[in-house]
Amino acid sequence: MPLPHDLCARLQNAFRARHQKICVEHNTQNLGILSILLRSGFISNLTRGTIEQPSPDLFHSARESQRRIWADLKYRDDRPVLNQMELVSRPSKRIFMDLSEIRLLCSGRRTQTIQPLGMGEIAVVKTKSKEHQWLEAREALQLKLDGEVVCRAR
């Protein structure tokens, strides 16, 4: 499975370069993280497509290596909505949290070595549940699912 740092870096760079759209490799990790960003209001639209263009029709007929996810980036008053996206869990030190630690993180208190979430900030949690594999930290708390805190965005 590819590492999420690639997606974090691509999104930050695209916002800083004022791109309107970005395309990333199609896999469940990227789709999960981007759908959380969509629900949280950091991006405005997700579309499946190919390397050339966002087209759901061409997506199904394309080879696996040609499939991409296209995200429309969101700006407010000519400023990017997503200011910073960073990894929390790294390959050298993965950060797993149980329910009480996720509760501390969401309620504004420090847990392990992780700073608490600020206003308008989200954390992406990868759970072991097949139905809810990728969740925002507050959603994981509501569903009572613990897991690995992958990245955070503000």
N, C-alpha and C. Protein backbone atom coordinates (compact mmCIF):
# COMPACT_ATOMS: atom_id res chain seq x y z
N MET A 1 0.84 -1.18 0.00
CA MET A 1 0.00 0.00 0.00
C MET A 1 0.89 1.25 0.00
N PRO A 2 0.59 2.23 -0.85
CA PRO A 2 1.39 3.45 -0.89
C PRO A 2 1.22 4.25 0.41
N LEU A 3 2.22 5.05 0.68
CA LEU A 3 2.20 5.84 1.91
C LEU A 3 1.37 7.10 1.73
N PRO A 4 0.69 7.55 2.78
CA PRO A 4 -0.17 8.74 2.66
C PRO A 4 0.61 10.04 2.55
N HIS A 5 1.93 10.02 2.78
CA HIS A 5 2.69 11.27 2.69
C HIS A 5 2.67 11.83 1.27
N ASP A 6 2.56 10.96 0.28
CA ASP A 6 2.50 11.41 -1.10
C ASP A 6 1.24 12.25 -1.34
N LEU A 7 0.11 11.76 -0.84
CA LEU A 7 -1.15 12.51 -1.00
C LEU A 7 -1.09 13.83 -0.24
N CYS A 8 -0.55 13.83 0.97
CA CYS A 8 -0.44 15.06 1.76
C CYS A 8 0.41 16.10 1.02
N ALA A 9 1.55 15.66 0.51
CA ALA A 9 2.44 16.58 -0.19
C ALA A 9 1.81 17.11 -1.48
N ARG A 10 1.17 16.23 -2.24
CA ARG A 10 0.53 16.66 -3.49
C ARG A 10 -0.57 17.68 -3.25
N LEU A 11 -1.38 17.45 -2.23
CA LEU A 11 -2.47 18.39 -1.92
C LEU A 11 -1.92 19.74 -1.48
N GLN A 12 -0.96 19.73 -0.58
CA GLN A 12 -0.39 21.01 -0.13
C GLN A 12 0.24 21.78 -1.28
N ASN A 13 1.00 21.08 -2.12
CA ASN A 13 1.66 21.74 -3.25
C ASN A 13 0.64 22.28 -4.25
N ALA A 14 -0.42 21.53 -4.50
CA ALA A 14 -1.45 21.98 -5.45
C ALA A 14 -2.17 23.21 -4.93
N PHE A 15 -2.48 23.24 -3.63
CA PHE A 15 -3.12 24.42 -3.06
C PHE A 15 -2.19 25.63 -3.13
N ARG A 16 -0.93 25.42 -2.82
CA ARG A 16 0.03 26.55 -2.84
C ARG A 16 0.25 27.07 -4.25
N ALA A 17 0.16 26.18 -5.25
CA ALA A 17 0.34 26.60 -6.64
C ALA A 17 -0.96 27.10 -7.26
N ARG A 18 -2.05 27.13 -6.46
CA ARG A 18 -3.36 27.63 -6.89
C ARG A 18 -3.97 26.82 -8.04
N HIS A 19 -3.75 25.50 -8.03
CA HIS A 19 -4.38 24.65 -9.04
C HIS A 19 -5.87 24.53 -8.74
N GLN A 20 -6.66 24.31 -9.78
CA GLN A 20 -8.09 24.10 -9.61
C GLN A 20 -8.42 22.64 -9.35
N LYS A 21 -7.66 21.73 -9.99
CA LYS A 21 -7.89 20.29 -9.86
C LYS A 21 -6.56 19.61 -9.62
N ILE A 22 -6.65 18.44 -9.03
CA ILE A 22 -5.48 17.59 -8.83
C ILE A 22 -5.89 16.15 -9.10
N CYS A 23 -4.97 15.39 -9.68
CA CYS A 23 -5.28 13.97 -9.86
C CYS A 23 -4.25 13.14 -9.10
N VAL A 24 -4.74 12.12 -8.41
CA VAL A 24 -3.89 11.22 -7.65
C VAL A 24 -4.22 9.79 -8.02
N GLU A 25 -3.32 8.90 -7.70
CA GLU A 25 -3.50 7.48 -8.00
C GLU A 25 -4.79 6.96 -7.36
N HIS A 26 -5.46 6.06 -8.06
CA HIS A 26 -6.70 5.49 -7.55
C HIS A 26 -6.38 4.29 -6.66
N ASN A 27 -6.62 4.42 -5.37
CA ASN A 27 -6.55 3.29 -4.44
C ASN A 27 -7.47 3.61 -3.26
N THR A 28 -7.72 2.62 -2.43
CA THR A 28 -8.70 2.81 -1.35
C THR A 28 -8.22 3.84 -0.33
N GLN A 29 -6.91 3.90 -0.10
CA GLN A 29 -6.38 4.87 0.85
C GLN A 29 -6.62 6.30 0.39
N ASN A 30 -6.24 6.60 -0.85
CA ASN A 30 -6.44 7.95 -1.37
C ASN A 30 -7.92 8.30 -1.44
N LEU A 31 -8.75 7.34 -1.86
CA LEU A 31 -10.19 7.58 -1.94
C LEU A 31 -10.77 7.84 -0.55
N GLY A 32 -10.32 7.09 0.45
CA GLY A 32 -10.81 7.27 1.81
C GLY A 32 -10.44 8.63 2.39
N ILE A 33 -9.17 9.01 2.23
CA ILE A 33 -8.71 10.29 2.77
C ILE A 33 -9.37 11.46 2.05
N LEU A 34 -9.46 11.36 0.71
CA LEU A 34 -10.09 12.45 -0.05
C LEU A 34 -11.58 12.57 0.26
N SER A 35 -12.26 11.45 0.50
CA SER A 35 -13.69 11.54 0.83
C SER A 35 -13.89 12.19 2.19
N ILE A 36 -12.97 11.98 3.12
CA ILE A 36 -13.04 12.66 4.42
C ILE A 36 -12.83 14.16 4.23
N LEU A 37 -11.86 14.53 3.39
CA LEU A 37 -11.62 15.95 3.11
C LEU A 37 -12.82 16.58 2.42
N LEU A 38 -13.51 15.81 1.57
CA LEU A 38 -14.72 16.31 0.91
C LEU A 38 -15.83 16.54 1.93
N ARG A 39 -16.06 15.58 2.81
CA ARG A 39 -17.11 15.73 3.83
C ARG A 39 -16.80 16.87 4.79
N SER A 40 -15.51 17.12 5.03
CA SER A 40 -15.11 18.18 5.96
C SER A 40 -15.06 19.55 5.31
N GLY A 41 -15.21 19.62 3.98
CA GLY A 41 -15.27 20.90 3.30
C GLY A 41 -13.94 21.44 2.81
N PHE A 42 -12.90 20.63 2.79
CA PHE A 42 -11.61 21.10 2.31
C PHE A 42 -11.50 21.05 0.78
N ILE A 43 -12.22 20.14 0.16
CA ILE A 43 -12.26 20.07 -1.31
C ILE A 43 -13.72 20.10 -1.73
N SER A 44 -13.98 20.46 -2.99
CA SER A 44 -15.37 20.66 -3.39
C SER A 44 -15.97 19.49 -4.18
N ASN A 45 -15.15 18.65 -4.80
CA ASN A 45 -15.72 17.58 -5.62
C ASN A 45 -14.69 16.49 -5.82
N LEU A 46 -15.17 15.24 -5.96
CA LEU A 46 -14.32 14.10 -6.31
C LEU A 46 -14.90 13.42 -7.54
N THR A 47 -14.03 13.07 -8.48
CA THR A 47 -14.46 12.38 -9.69
C THR A 47 -13.42 11.33 -10.04
N ARG A 48 -13.87 10.19 -10.51
CA ARG A 48 -12.95 9.20 -11.02
C ARG A 48 -12.67 9.49 -12.48
N GLY A 49 -11.48 9.14 -12.92
CA GLY A 49 -11.12 9.39 -14.31
C GLY A 49 -9.84 8.68 -14.69
N THR A 50 -9.21 9.19 -15.73
CA THR A 50 -7.95 8.64 -16.20
C THR A 50 -6.86 9.70 -16.03
N ILE A 51 -5.67 9.39 -16.51
CA ILE A 51 -4.57 10.33 -16.41
C ILE A 51 -4.89 11.61 -17.17
N GLU A 52 -5.58 11.49 -18.30
CA GLU A 52 -5.85 12.65 -19.15
C GLU A 52 -6.95 13.56 -18.62
N GLN A 53 -8.04 12.99 -18.11
CA GLN A 53 -9.20 13.82 -17.74
C GLN A 53 -10.09 13.12 -16.71
N PRO A 54 -10.88 13.91 -15.98
CA PRO A 54 -11.84 13.31 -15.06
C PRO A 54 -13.07 12.85 -15.84
N SER A 55 -13.22 11.56 -16.03
CA SER A 55 -14.35 11.01 -16.77
C SER A 55 -14.70 9.64 -16.21
N PRO A 56 -15.83 9.53 -15.51
CA PRO A 56 -16.23 8.23 -14.96
C PRO A 56 -16.44 7.16 -16.04
N ASP A 57 -16.85 7.56 -17.24
CA ASP A 57 -17.05 6.59 -18.31
C ASP A 57 -15.73 5.97 -18.75
N LEU A 58 -14.71 6.80 -18.92
CA LEU A 58 -13.40 6.30 -19.32
C LEU A 58 -12.71 5.54 -18.19
N PHE A 59 -13.08 5.84 -16.96
CA PHE A 59 -12.47 5.20 -15.80
C PHE A 59 -12.68 3.69 -15.84
N HIS A 60 -13.91 3.26 -16.16
CA HIS A 60 -14.23 1.84 -16.13
C HIS A 60 -13.56 1.06 -17.25
N SER A 61 -13.29 1.72 -18.37
CA SER A 61 -12.66 1.03 -19.49
C SER A 61 -11.13 1.13 -19.46
N ALA A 62 -10.58 1.96 -18.58
CA ALA A 62 -9.13 2.17 -18.52
C ALA A 62 -8.45 1.03 -17.75
N ARG A 63 -7.16 0.84 -18.05
CA ARG A 63 -6.37 -0.13 -17.30
C ARG A 63 -6.19 0.37 -15.87
N GLU A 64 -5.86 -0.54 -14.99
CA GLU A 64 -5.69 -0.19 -13.57
C GLU A 64 -4.62 0.88 -13.38
N SER A 65 -3.55 0.82 -14.14
CA SER A 65 -2.45 1.78 -13.99
C SER A 65 -2.82 3.17 -14.50
N GLN A 66 -3.87 3.28 -15.30
CA GLN A 66 -4.29 4.56 -15.86
C GLN A 66 -5.38 5.25 -15.04
N ARG A 67 -5.92 4.57 -14.04
CA ARG A 67 -7.04 5.11 -13.26
C ARG A 67 -6.55 6.13 -12.24
N ARG A 68 -7.30 7.22 -12.12
CA ARG A 68 -6.96 8.30 -11.20
C ARG A 68 -8.22 8.84 -10.51
N ILE A 69 -8.00 9.53 -9.39
CA ILE A 69 -9.06 10.24 -8.69
C ILE A 69 -8.77 11.73 -8.90
N TRP A 70 -9.77 12.46 -9.35
CA TRP A 70 -9.64 13.90 -9.58
C TRP A 70 -10.38 14.63 -8.47
N ALA A 71 -9.71 15.58 -7.83
CA ALA A 71 -10.31 16.38 -6.76
C ALA A 71 -10.30 17.85 -7.17
N ASP A 72 -11.45 18.52 -6.99
CA ASP A 72 -11.54 19.96 -7.22
C ASP A 72 -11.18 20.66 -5.92
N LEU A 73 -10.16 21.50 -5.99
CA LEU A 73 -9.69 22.18 -4.80
C LEU A 73 -10.55 23.40 -4.49
N LYS A 74 -10.64 23.75 -3.23
CA LYS A 74 -11.56 24.78 -2.78
C LYS A 74 -10.80 25.98 -2.23
N TYR A 75 -11.23 27.16 -2.65
CA TYR A 75 -10.62 28.41 -2.20
C TYR A 75 -11.72 29.33 -1.68
N ARG A 76 -11.37 30.15 -0.69
CA ARG A 76 -12.31 31.14 -0.15
C ARG A 76 -11.57 32.47 -0.08
N ASP A 77 -12.14 33.49 -0.70
CA ASP A 77 -11.51 34.81 -0.78
C ASP A 77 -10.09 34.72 -1.35
N ASP A 78 -9.94 33.90 -2.38
CA ASP A 78 -8.68 33.67 -3.08
C ASP A 78 -7.59 33.12 -2.16
N ARG A 79 -7.99 32.46 -1.08
CA ARG A 79 -7.04 31.79 -0.19
C ARG A 79 -7.43 30.32 -0.09
N PRO A 80 -6.45 29.42 -0.05
CA PRO A 80 -6.78 27.99 0.04
C PRO A 80 -7.50 27.65 1.34
N VAL A 81 -8.49 26.77 1.23
CA VAL A 81 -9.21 26.32 2.41
C VAL A 81 -8.32 25.39 3.24
N LEU A 82 -7.54 24.56 2.58
CA LEU A 82 -6.61 23.65 3.26
C LEU A 82 -5.27 24.36 3.41
N ASN A 83 -4.90 24.71 4.63
CA ASN A 83 -3.64 25.41 4.86
C ASN A 83 -2.47 24.46 5.06
N GLN A 84 -2.72 23.38 5.79
CA GLN A 84 -1.64 22.46 6.11
C GLN A 84 -2.19 21.06 6.25
N MET A 85 -1.47 20.10 5.71
CA MET A 85 -1.82 18.69 5.86
C MET A 85 -0.53 17.96 6.18
N GLU A 86 -0.51 17.27 7.32
CA GLU A 86 0.72 16.62 7.73
C GLU A 86 0.47 15.22 8.25
N LEU A 87 1.48 14.39 8.16
CA LEU A 87 1.40 13.03 8.68
C LEU A 87 1.48 13.04 10.19
N VAL A 88 0.75 12.15 10.81
CA VAL A 88 0.87 11.92 12.24
C VAL A 88 1.60 10.60 12.43
N SER A 89 1.12 9.57 11.75
CA SER A 89 1.72 8.25 11.82
C SER A 89 2.71 8.09 10.68
N ARG A 90 3.93 7.70 11.00
CA ARG A 90 4.97 7.52 9.99
C ARG A 90 5.33 6.04 9.92
N PRO A 91 5.96 5.62 8.84
CA PRO A 91 6.36 4.21 8.77
C PRO A 91 7.31 3.80 9.90
N SER A 92 8.14 4.73 10.35
CA SER A 92 9.09 4.42 11.42
C SER A 92 8.43 4.45 12.80
N LYS A 93 7.33 5.21 12.93
CA LYS A 93 6.63 5.29 14.21
C LYS A 93 5.14 5.46 13.95
N ARG A 94 4.44 4.35 13.95
CA ARG A 94 3.00 4.39 13.70
C ARG A 94 2.28 4.71 15.00
N ILE A 95 1.25 5.54 14.90
CA ILE A 95 0.52 6.03 16.08
C ILE A 95 -0.87 5.38 16.11
N PHE A 96 -1.04 4.43 17.03
CA PHE A 96 -2.34 3.80 17.24
C PHE A 96 -2.95 4.37 18.50
N MET A 97 -4.25 4.65 18.43
CA MET A 97 -4.93 5.23 19.59
C MET A 97 -6.18 4.43 19.90
N ASP A 98 -6.41 4.24 21.21
CA ASP A 98 -7.67 3.64 21.60
C ASP A 98 -8.72 4.74 21.75
N LEU A 99 -9.91 4.37 22.13
CA LEU A 99 -11.03 5.31 22.17
C LEU A 99 -10.79 6.46 23.13
N SER A 100 -10.20 6.19 24.28
CA SER A 100 -9.97 7.27 25.25
C SER A 100 -8.95 8.28 24.74
N GLU A 101 -7.95 7.82 23.99
CA GLU A 101 -6.95 8.74 23.45
C GLU A 101 -7.54 9.57 22.31
N ILE A 102 -8.39 8.97 21.49
CA ILE A 102 -9.06 9.72 20.42
C ILE A 102 -9.97 10.78 21.03
N ARG A 103 -10.63 10.44 22.14
CA ARG A 103 -11.48 11.40 22.84
C ARG A 103 -10.66 12.58 23.35
N LEU A 104 -9.49 12.31 23.90
CA LEU A 104 -8.61 13.38 24.37
C LEU A 104 -8.16 14.26 23.20
N LEU A 105 -7.79 13.65 22.09
CA LEU A 105 -7.34 14.38 20.91
C LEU A 105 -8.44 15.33 20.40
N CYS A 106 -9.67 14.82 20.35
CA CYS A 106 -10.79 15.62 19.83
C CYS A 106 -11.26 16.70 20.79
N SER A 107 -11.06 16.47 22.08
CA SER A 107 -11.56 17.44 23.07
C SER A 107 -10.52 18.51 23.43
N GLY A 108 -9.40 18.53 22.72
CA GLY A 108 -8.45 19.61 22.92
C GLY A 108 -7.37 19.33 23.95
N ARG A 109 -7.13 18.05 24.23
CA ARG A 109 -6.06 17.71 25.17
C ARG A 109 -5.01 16.86 24.48
N ARG A 110 -3.78 17.03 24.87
CA ARG A 110 -2.66 16.32 24.28
C ARG A 110 -2.72 14.84 24.66
N THR A 111 -2.36 13.98 23.71
CA THR A 111 -2.28 12.55 23.98
C THR A 111 -1.05 11.99 23.29
N GLN A 112 -0.39 11.08 23.94
CA GLN A 112 0.91 10.55 23.48
C GLN A 112 1.81 11.75 23.14
N THR A 113 2.27 11.86 21.92
CA THR A 113 3.11 13.01 21.54
C THR A 113 2.39 13.90 20.54
N ILE A 114 1.07 13.75 20.43
CA ILE A 114 0.28 14.43 19.42
C ILE A 114 -0.40 15.66 20.02
N GLN A 115 -0.26 16.79 19.32
CA GLN A 115 -0.94 18.02 19.74
C GLN A 115 -2.45 17.83 19.54
N PRO A 116 -3.28 18.47 20.36
CA PRO A 116 -4.73 18.35 20.20
C PRO A 116 -5.21 19.02 18.91
N LEU A 117 -6.39 18.61 18.46
CA LEU A 117 -6.98 19.21 17.27
C LEU A 117 -7.48 20.61 17.60
N GLY A 118 -7.19 21.54 16.72
CA GLY A 118 -7.64 22.91 16.90
C GLY A 118 -8.98 23.12 16.21
N MET A 119 -9.44 24.37 16.22
CA MET A 119 -10.70 24.72 15.57
C MET A 119 -10.57 24.51 14.06
N GLY A 120 -11.52 23.81 13.48
CA GLY A 120 -11.52 23.57 12.05
C GLY A 120 -10.50 22.54 11.59
N GLU A 121 -9.90 21.84 12.50
CA GLU A 121 -8.87 20.85 12.15
C GLU A 121 -9.46 19.45 12.26
N ILE A 122 -9.02 18.55 11.38
CA ILE A 122 -9.49 17.17 11.41
C ILE A 122 -8.31 16.22 11.49
N ALA A 123 -8.56 15.02 11.96
CA ALA A 123 -7.57 13.94 11.95
C ALA A 123 -8.20 12.75 11.24
N VAL A 124 -7.42 12.08 10.43
CA VAL A 124 -7.89 10.91 9.67
C VAL A 124 -7.45 9.65 10.41
N VAL A 125 -8.42 8.77 10.68
CA VAL A 125 -8.15 7.54 11.42
C VAL A 125 -8.44 6.34 10.52
N LYS A 126 -7.50 5.41 10.49
CA LYS A 126 -7.70 4.15 9.76
C LYS A 126 -8.06 3.09 10.79
N THR A 127 -9.26 2.53 10.66
CA THR A 127 -9.73 1.53 11.62
C THR A 127 -9.61 0.13 11.02
N LYS A 128 -9.85 -0.86 11.85
CA LYS A 128 -9.81 -2.24 11.37
C LYS A 128 -11.15 -2.72 10.85
N SER A 129 -12.17 -1.89 10.98
CA SER A 129 -13.50 -2.22 10.50
C SER A 129 -13.52 -2.20 8.97
N LYS A 130 -14.09 -3.24 8.37
CA LYS A 130 -14.18 -3.29 6.91
C LYS A 130 -15.20 -2.29 6.39
N GLU A 131 -16.27 -2.08 7.14
CA GLU A 131 -17.32 -1.16 6.72
C GLU A 131 -16.90 0.30 6.84
N HIS A 132 -16.18 0.63 7.91
CA HIS A 132 -15.74 2.01 8.16
C HIS A 132 -14.22 2.01 8.29
N GLN A 133 -13.51 1.82 7.17
CA GLN A 133 -12.06 1.72 7.24
C GLN A 133 -11.40 3.08 7.43
N TRP A 134 -11.89 4.12 6.77
CA TRP A 134 -11.31 5.46 6.86
C TRP A 134 -12.34 6.40 7.45
N LEU A 135 -12.01 7.01 8.60
CA LEU A 135 -12.93 7.90 9.30
C LEU A 135 -12.21 9.14 9.79
N GLU A 136 -12.97 10.20 9.98
CA GLU A 136 -12.46 11.37 10.68
C GLU A 136 -12.49 11.03 12.17
N ALA A 137 -11.62 11.61 12.97
CA ALA A 137 -11.48 11.24 14.37
C ALA A 137 -12.80 11.36 15.14
N ARG A 138 -13.58 12.40 14.86
CA ARG A 138 -14.85 12.57 15.58
C ARG A 138 -15.87 11.51 15.17
N GLU A 139 -15.84 11.09 13.90
CA GLU A 139 -16.72 9.99 13.46
C GLU A 139 -16.31 8.68 14.12
N ALA A 140 -15.01 8.43 14.22
CA ALA A 140 -14.51 7.22 14.89
C ALA A 140 -14.94 7.20 16.35
N LEU A 141 -14.94 8.36 16.96
CA LEU A 141 -15.37 8.47 18.36
C LEU A 141 -16.85 8.14 18.50
N GLN A 142 -17.67 8.65 17.59
CA GLN A 142 -19.11 8.36 17.63
C GLN A 142 -19.40 6.89 17.39
N LEU A 143 -18.64 6.26 16.47
CA LEU A 143 -18.86 4.85 16.16
C LEU A 143 -18.11 3.91 17.11
N LYS A 144 -17.37 4.51 18.07
CA LYS A 144 -16.60 3.75 19.05
C LYS A 144 -15.60 2.81 18.39
N LEU A 145 -14.83 3.36 17.43
CA LEU A 145 -13.81 2.59 16.72
C LEU A 145 -12.44 3.23 16.97
N ASP A 146 -11.48 2.41 17.39
CA ASP A 146 -10.12 2.91 17.54
C ASP A 146 -9.31 2.55 16.31
N GLY A 147 -8.08 3.07 16.22
CA GLY A 147 -7.26 2.76 15.06
C GLY A 147 -6.02 3.63 14.99
N GLU A 148 -5.44 3.66 13.79
CA GLU A 148 -4.21 4.41 13.54
C GLU A 148 -4.55 5.82 13.07
N VAL A 149 -4.00 6.83 13.72
CA VAL A 149 -4.19 8.22 13.30
C VAL A 149 -3.16 8.49 12.21
N VAL A 150 -3.63 8.63 10.97
CA VAL A 150 -2.74 8.70 9.82
C VAL A 150 -2.24 10.11 9.57
N CYS A 151 -3.16 11.07 9.45
CA CYS A 151 -2.75 12.44 9.14
C CYS A 151 -3.76 13.43 9.72
N ARG A 152 -3.41 14.70 9.65
CA ARG A 152 -4.31 15.75 10.13
C ARG A 152 -4.28 16.89 9.11
N ALA A 153 -5.38 17.62 9.05
CA ALA A 153 -5.50 18.73 8.09
C ALA A 153 -6.17 19.90 8.78
N ARG A 154 -5.72 21.12 8.38
CA ARG A 154 -6.36 22.34 8.88
C ARG A 154 -6.35 23.39 7.80
